[in-house]
Protein backbone atom coordinates (compact mmCIF):
# COMPACT_ATOMS: atom_id res chain seq x y z
CA UNK A 1 -23.38 9.95 4.00
CA UNK A 2 -22.00 9.92 7.45
CA UNK A 3 -18.46 9.97 8.28
CA UNK A 4 -16.99 8.57 11.65
CA UNK A 5 -13.31 9.18 12.26
CA UNK A 6 -11.51 5.96 13.67
CA UNK A 7 -8.37 7.42 14.99
CA UNK A 8 -6.76 10.85 15.48
CA UNK A 9 -4.28 10.19 12.65
CA UNK A 10 -5.63 7.96 9.95
CA UNK A 11 -8.97 6.29 8.97
CA UNK A 12 -12.76 6.91 8.77
CA UNK A 13 -15.85 4.78 8.40
CA UNK A 14 -18.29 5.91 5.77
CA UNK A 15 -22.02 5.01 6.54
CA UNK A 16 -25.13 5.23 4.47
CA UNK A 17 -23.48 4.93 1.25
CA UNK A 18 -23.62 2.21 -1.42
CA UNK A 19 -20.50 2.15 -3.54
CA UNK A 20 -22.75 0.84 -6.50
CA UNK A 21 -24.45 4.14 -6.32
CA UNK A 22 -21.18 6.06 -6.44
CA UNK A 23 -20.31 4.56 -10.17
CA UNK A 24 -23.00 6.74 -11.39
CA UNK A 25 -23.48 9.57 -8.94
CA UNK A 26 -20.77 12.17 -9.72
CA UNK A 27 -21.34 14.17 -6.45
CA UNK A 28 -21.33 11.24 -4.32
CA UNK A 29 -18.03 9.93 -5.92
CA UNK A 30 -16.38 13.33 -5.66
CA UNK A 31 -17.19 13.62 -1.93
CA UNK A 32 -15.81 10.03 -1.37
CA UNK A 33 -12.59 11.06 -3.13
CA UNK A 34 -12.36 14.22 -0.94
CA UNK A 35 -12.78 12.22 2.06
CA UNK A 36 -10.20 9.53 0.94
CA UNK A 37 -7.41 12.15 0.47
CA UNK A 38 -8.42 13.69 3.84
CA UNK A 39 -8.54 10.35 5.93
CA UNK A 40 -6.09 8.32 3.76
CA UNK A 41 -8.13 5.20 4.05
CA UNK A 42 -12.05 4.71 4.26
CA UNK A 43 -14.04 1.74 5.52
CA UNK A 44 -17.48 0.67 4.59
CA UNK A 45 -19.57 -2.25 5.82
CA UNK A 46 -22.40 -4.22 4.28
CA UNK A 47 -21.30 -3.54 0.52
CA UNK A 48 -23.06 -6.39 -1.06
CA UNK A 49 -21.86 -5.43 -4.61
CA UNK A 50 -20.98 -7.51 -7.59
CA UNK A 51 -17.53 -7.87 -9.02
CA UNK A 52 -18.55 -5.69 -12.05
CA UNK A 53 -19.72 -2.85 -9.70
CA UNK A 54 -16.51 -3.33 -7.56
CA UNK A 55 -14.55 -2.97 -10.84
CA UNK A 56 -16.75 0.08 -12.08
CA UNK A 57 -16.39 1.86 -8.87
CA UNK A 58 -12.51 1.46 -8.65
CA UNK A 59 -12.35 2.66 -12.39
CA UNK A 60 -13.76 6.10 -11.32
CA UNK A 61 -10.37 6.82 -9.92
CA UNK A 62 -8.48 5.71 -12.82
CA UNK A 63 -7.47 2.62 -14.86
CA UNK A 64 -6.87 -0.65 -13.05
CA UNK A 65 -3.58 -2.66 -13.19
CA UNK A 66 -3.01 -6.30 -12.94
CA UNK A 67 -0.39 -7.91 -10.57
CA UNK A 68 2.44 -9.91 -12.51
CA UNK A 69 2.70 -12.60 -9.75
CA UNK A 70 -0.85 -12.58 -8.22
CA UNK A 71 -2.76 -12.51 -11.52
CA UNK A 72 -6.36 -11.17 -11.64
CA UNK A 73 -9.93 -12.46 -12.37
CA UNK A 74 -10.02 -13.56 -16.19
CA UNK A 75 -13.40 -12.05 -16.38
CA UNK A 76 -12.52 -8.73 -14.58
CA UNK A 77 -9.05 -7.57 -15.49
CA UNK A 78 -7.54 -5.80 -12.66
CA UNK A 79 -9.52 -7.41 -9.93
CA UNK A 80 -6.89 -9.48 -7.97
CA UNK A 81 -8.15 -12.34 -6.00
CA UNK A 82 -6.15 -12.71 -2.60
CA UNK A 83 -7.58 -16.18 -1.41
CA UNK A 84 -6.16 -18.13 1.41
CA UNK A 85 -7.31 -21.82 2.03
CA UNK A 86 -6.49 -24.52 4.27
CA UNK A 87 -4.49 -26.13 1.51
CA UNK A 88 -2.77 -22.82 0.53
CA UNK A 89 -0.40 -21.54 3.38
CA UNK A 90 -0.08 -17.81 4.02
CA UNK A 91 2.26 -15.87 1.90
CA UNK A 92 5.13 -13.92 3.35
CA UNK A 93 4.50 -10.74 1.66
CA UNK A 94 1.26 -9.16 3.05
CA UNK A 95 2.37 -9.32 6.71
CA UNK A 96 5.14 -6.61 6.21
CA UNK A 97 4.66 -2.93 6.38
CA UNK A 98 4.34 -2.02 2.62
CA UNK A 99 3.08 0.48 0.07
CA UNK A 100 1.69 -1.55 -2.81
CA UNK A 101 3.74 -2.06 -5.85
CA UNK A 102 6.38 0.70 -5.24
CA UNK A 103 8.67 -1.76 -7.39
CA UNK A 104 6.71 -0.09 -10.23
CA UNK A 105 8.00 3.10 -11.85
CA UNK A 106 4.45 4.64 -11.28
CA UNK A 107 3.07 2.87 -8.05
CA UNK A 108 -0.65 2.60 -7.81
CA UNK A 109 -2.84 5.66 -6.86
CA UNK A 110 -4.70 3.34 -4.40
CA UNK A 111 -6.81 0.37 -3.95
CA UNK A 112 -10.45 -0.80 -3.39
CA UNK A 113 -10.34 -4.03 -1.22
CA UNK A 114 -13.53 -6.05 -0.46
CA UNK A 115 -13.93 -8.92 1.75
CA UNK A 116 -15.58 -11.90 0.34
CA UNK A 117 -14.88 -14.29 3.25
CA UNK A 118 -13.07 -14.03 6.56
CA UNK A 119 -12.21 -16.01 9.61
CA UNK A 120 -14.47 -15.31 12.55
CA UNK A 121 -11.46 -13.97 14.53
CA UNK A 122 -8.14 -12.71 13.14
CA UNK A 123 -6.97 -11.43 9.67
CA UNK A 124 -7.30 -7.67 10.43
CA UNK A 125 -5.37 -5.28 8.32
CA UNK A 126 -3.37 -2.13 9.68
CA UNK A 127 -2.76 1.09 7.91
CA UNK A 128 -0.22 3.66 8.66
CA UNK A 129 -0.14 7.43 7.88
CA UNK A 130 3.19 8.11 6.32
CA UNK A 131 2.63 11.86 6.01
CA UNK A 132 2.64 12.01 9.87
CA UNK A 133 5.49 9.58 10.03
CA UNK A 134 7.49 12.18 7.87
CA UNK A 135 6.52 15.23 9.83
CA UNK A 136 7.55 13.52 13.18
CA UNK A 137 10.92 12.76 12.11
CA UNK A 138 13.94 14.62 13.71
CA UNK A 139 14.93 17.66 11.91
CA UNK A 140 18.54 16.18 11.38
CA UNK A 141 16.87 13.13 9.73
CA UNK A 142 14.80 15.26 7.58
CA UNK A 143 17.77 17.07 6.30
CA UNK A 144 19.63 14.00 5.75
CA UNK A 145 17.01 12.28 3.63
CA UNK A 146 15.75 15.47 1.74
CA UNK A 147 17.65 14.54 -1.30
CA UNK A 148 17.98 10.63 -1.15
CA UNK A 149 16.57 8.30 -3.55
CA UNK A 150 15.99 4.70 -3.12
CA UNK A 151 15.64 1.22 -5.13
CA UNK A 152 12.50 -0.83 -4.95
CA UNK A 153 12.42 -4.27 -6.10
CA UNK A 154 9.84 -6.99 -7.17
CA UNK A 155 12.77 -9.46 -7.74
CA UNK A 156 13.98 -9.15 -4.17
CA UNK A 157 10.50 -9.79 -2.81
CA UNK A 158 8.09 -11.70 -4.85
CA UNK A 159 10.95 -13.05 -7.09
CA UNK A 160 13.21 -14.24 -4.05
CA UNK A 161 11.71 -17.77 -4.02
CA UNK A 162 11.56 -18.44 -7.56
CA UNK A 163 14.10 -20.48 -9.56
CA UNK A 164 16.94 -18.24 -10.63
CA UNK A 165 15.90 -18.19 -14.22
CA UNK A 166 12.45 -17.16 -13.53
CA UNK A 167 13.65 -14.64 -11.03
CA UNK A 168 16.00 -13.02 -13.68
CA UNK A 169 13.31 -13.08 -16.24
CA UNK A 170 10.88 -11.34 -13.73
CA UNK A 171 13.60 -8.61 -13.12
CA UNK A 172 14.00 -8.22 -16.81
CA UNK A 173 10.29 -7.49 -17.14
CA UNK A 174 10.00 -5.47 -14.10
CA UNK A 175 13.44 -3.87 -13.44
CA UNK A 176 13.80 -2.17 -9.97
CA UNK A 177 12.30 1.31 -9.64
CA UNK A 178 13.96 4.36 -8.06
CA UNK A 179 12.00 6.79 -6.09
CA UNK A 180 12.61 9.86 -3.94
CA UNK A 181 12.59 8.80 -0.16
CA UNK A 182 10.47 11.74 0.37
CA UNK A 183 7.73 12.08 -2.17
CA UNK A 184 5.15 14.78 -2.62
CA UNK A 185 1.52 14.19 -2.56
CA UNK A 186 0.20 15.34 -5.72
CA UNK A 187 -3.24 16.49 -4.40
CA UNK A 188 -2.22 18.04 -1.15
CA UNK A 189 1.51 18.89 -1.48
CA UNK A 190 2.24 17.24 1.75
CA UNK A 191 5.69 15.26 2.24
CA UNK A 192 5.46 11.50 2.55
CA UNK A 193 8.17 9.17 3.81
CA UNK A 194 8.26 6.65 0.96
CA UNK A 195 10.31 3.53 1.85
CA UNK A 196 8.94 0.28 2.82
CA UNK A 197 9.27 -3.58 2.61
CA UNK A 198 10.05 -3.37 -1.18
CA UNK A 199 12.91 -0.89 -0.58
CA UNK A 200 16.29 -2.52 -0.85
CA UNK A 201 18.75 0.32 -0.60
CA UNK A 202 19.61 4.20 -1.24
CA UNK A 203 21.10 4.92 -4.65
CA UNK A 204 22.85 8.18 -3.92
CA UNK A 205 23.89 7.82 -0.18
CA UNK A 206 27.62 7.24 -0.76
CA UNK A 207 28.66 10.97 -1.03
CA UNK A 208 31.29 12.95 1.04
CA UNK A 209 28.58 14.43 3.19
CA UNK A 210 27.47 10.97 4.37
CA UNK A 211 30.58 8.76 4.06
CA UNK A 212 34.01 9.60 5.59
CA UNK A 213 35.57 6.30 4.76
CA UNK A 214 34.14 3.70 2.29
CA UNK A 215 33.57 1.60 5.39
CA UNK A 216 30.89 4.10 6.59
CA UNK A 217 28.59 3.44 3.66
CA UNK A 218 27.11 0.12 4.24
CA UNK A 219 26.41 0.15 8.00
CA UNK A 220 25.41 3.88 7.76
CA UNK A 221 22.95 3.43 4.90
CA UNK A 222 21.31 0.35 6.13
CA UNK A 223 20.80 1.57 9.62
CA UNK A 224 19.29 4.64 8.40
CA UNK A 225 17.03 2.78 5.86
CA UNK A 226 15.84 0.34 8.70
CA UNK A 227 15.17 3.28 10.86
CA UNK A 228 13.03 4.86 8.21
CA UNK A 229 11.10 1.68 7.40
CA UNK A 230 10.46 0.96 11.10
CA UNK A 231 8.42 4.40 11.45
CA UNK A 232 5.22 2.50 10.24
CA UNK A 233 5.40 0.42 13.34
CA UNK A 234 4.53 3.32 15.63
CA UNK A 235 0.82 2.77 16.84
CA UNK A 236 0.01 6.42 17.02
CA UNK A 237 0.26 6.45 13.14
CA UNK A 238 -1.97 3.53 12.70
CA UNK A 239 -5.65 2.39 12.20
CA UNK A 240 -6.74 -1.39 12.60
CA UNK A 241 -9.85 -2.80 10.76
CA UNK A 242 -11.58 -5.82 11.51
CA UNK A 243 -12.98 -7.54 8.40
CA UNK A 244 -16.43 -8.92 7.91
CA UNK A 245 -18.11 -10.26 4.82
CA UNK A 246 -18.82 -7.42 2.31
CA UNK A 247 -16.55 -4.94 4.35
CA UNK A 248 -14.77 -2.68 1.91
CA UNK A 249 -11.39 -0.62 2.43
CA UNK A 250 -10.32 2.19 0.23
CA UNK A 251 -6.92 3.55 0.54
CA UNK A 252 -4.64 6.19 -0.76
CA UNK A 253 -1.44 4.19 -1.53
CA UNK A 254 0.53 7.36 -2.05
CA UNK A 255 0.38 8.35 1.69
CA UNK A 256 0.03 5.20 3.49
CA UNK A 257 1.33 1.73 4.23
CA UNK A 258 -0.56 -1.31 5.38
CA UNK A 259 0.13 -4.66 7.04
CA UNK A 260 -2.09 -7.82 6.75
CA UNK A 261 -2.18 -9.52 10.11
CA UNK A 262 -1.71 -13.27 9.62
CA UNK A 263 -2.78 -14.50 13.06
CA UNK A 264 -5.59 -16.92 11.97
CA UNK A 265 -5.07 -20.57 11.44
CA UNK A 266 -5.26 -22.33 7.91
CA UNK A 267 -8.84 -21.47 6.76
CA UNK A 268 -10.64 -19.59 4.06
CA UNK A 269 -9.88 -15.78 3.82
CA UNK A 270 -10.87 -14.37 0.47
CA UNK A 271 -10.37 -10.79 -0.47
CA UNK A 272 -10.71 -9.14 -3.88
CA UNK A 273 -8.62 -6.01 -4.63
CA UNK A 274 -8.75 -3.38 -7.53
CA UNK A 275 -5.43 -1.47 -7.85
CA UNK A 276 -5.72 1.75 -9.57
CA UNK A 277 -2.93 2.93 -11.87
CA UNK A 278 -0.75 5.86 -10.32
CA UNK A 279 1.50 8.58 -11.42
CA UNK A 280 5.42 8.89 -11.09
CA UNK A 281 6.51 9.96 -7.70
CA UNK A 282 8.21 13.33 -7.30
């Protein structure tokens, strides 16, 4: 196995490895997991693996989860088919900086995404290192957000375009989750800036330390949240990956955000993603 770091802050390409072998090779899988924690997102080319092998490899990290809106392959539960076609316009959810499913009480550990078909040009994905984003915040901001918590919503994102009855039923099944604004990486102890496109508001901002008059609350809270969410935009925290057929990305969902660039015309772009169940953030 050879590792080539792609940027100074995040991402590495793994060469000389078949993920199908890592399903059964304990030493190989252990090394891949170590490199994942180190680089936060790993990329591999030429992974001509079956759906069964894709799912089996992802399950080495933990149990897989379905998506309540996107659904998954009926033959391979947990394998979500993210298919774009000329007849199906691009969604409005992937081309925003986000950490997958933070609207869950226990957001995913990570994901294994394989490219089945892609445009000749366009359709890249970008990842950002949210550990570095936290580290580089001004000290006064770090102090201000140290104890803050925030709400993350499926209803306000995937549910927003639904009829009201369906939207409210979705919220009843998946109520908004509350997470610390700064979470701790369970493997490394690093601090992570943990707000993204699914985050709607702080839940404990309205305190005497932050609000002199009631009028302070709404602008003060929303401006701070927008500032924190915008940190993923900084190129120095990012890596950009150009997809080819049978390329794979494996990312640590706890310490990253990603953005699917929808710069391509109506065409076929087919991706298959296995999401891995995670733990409660702390």
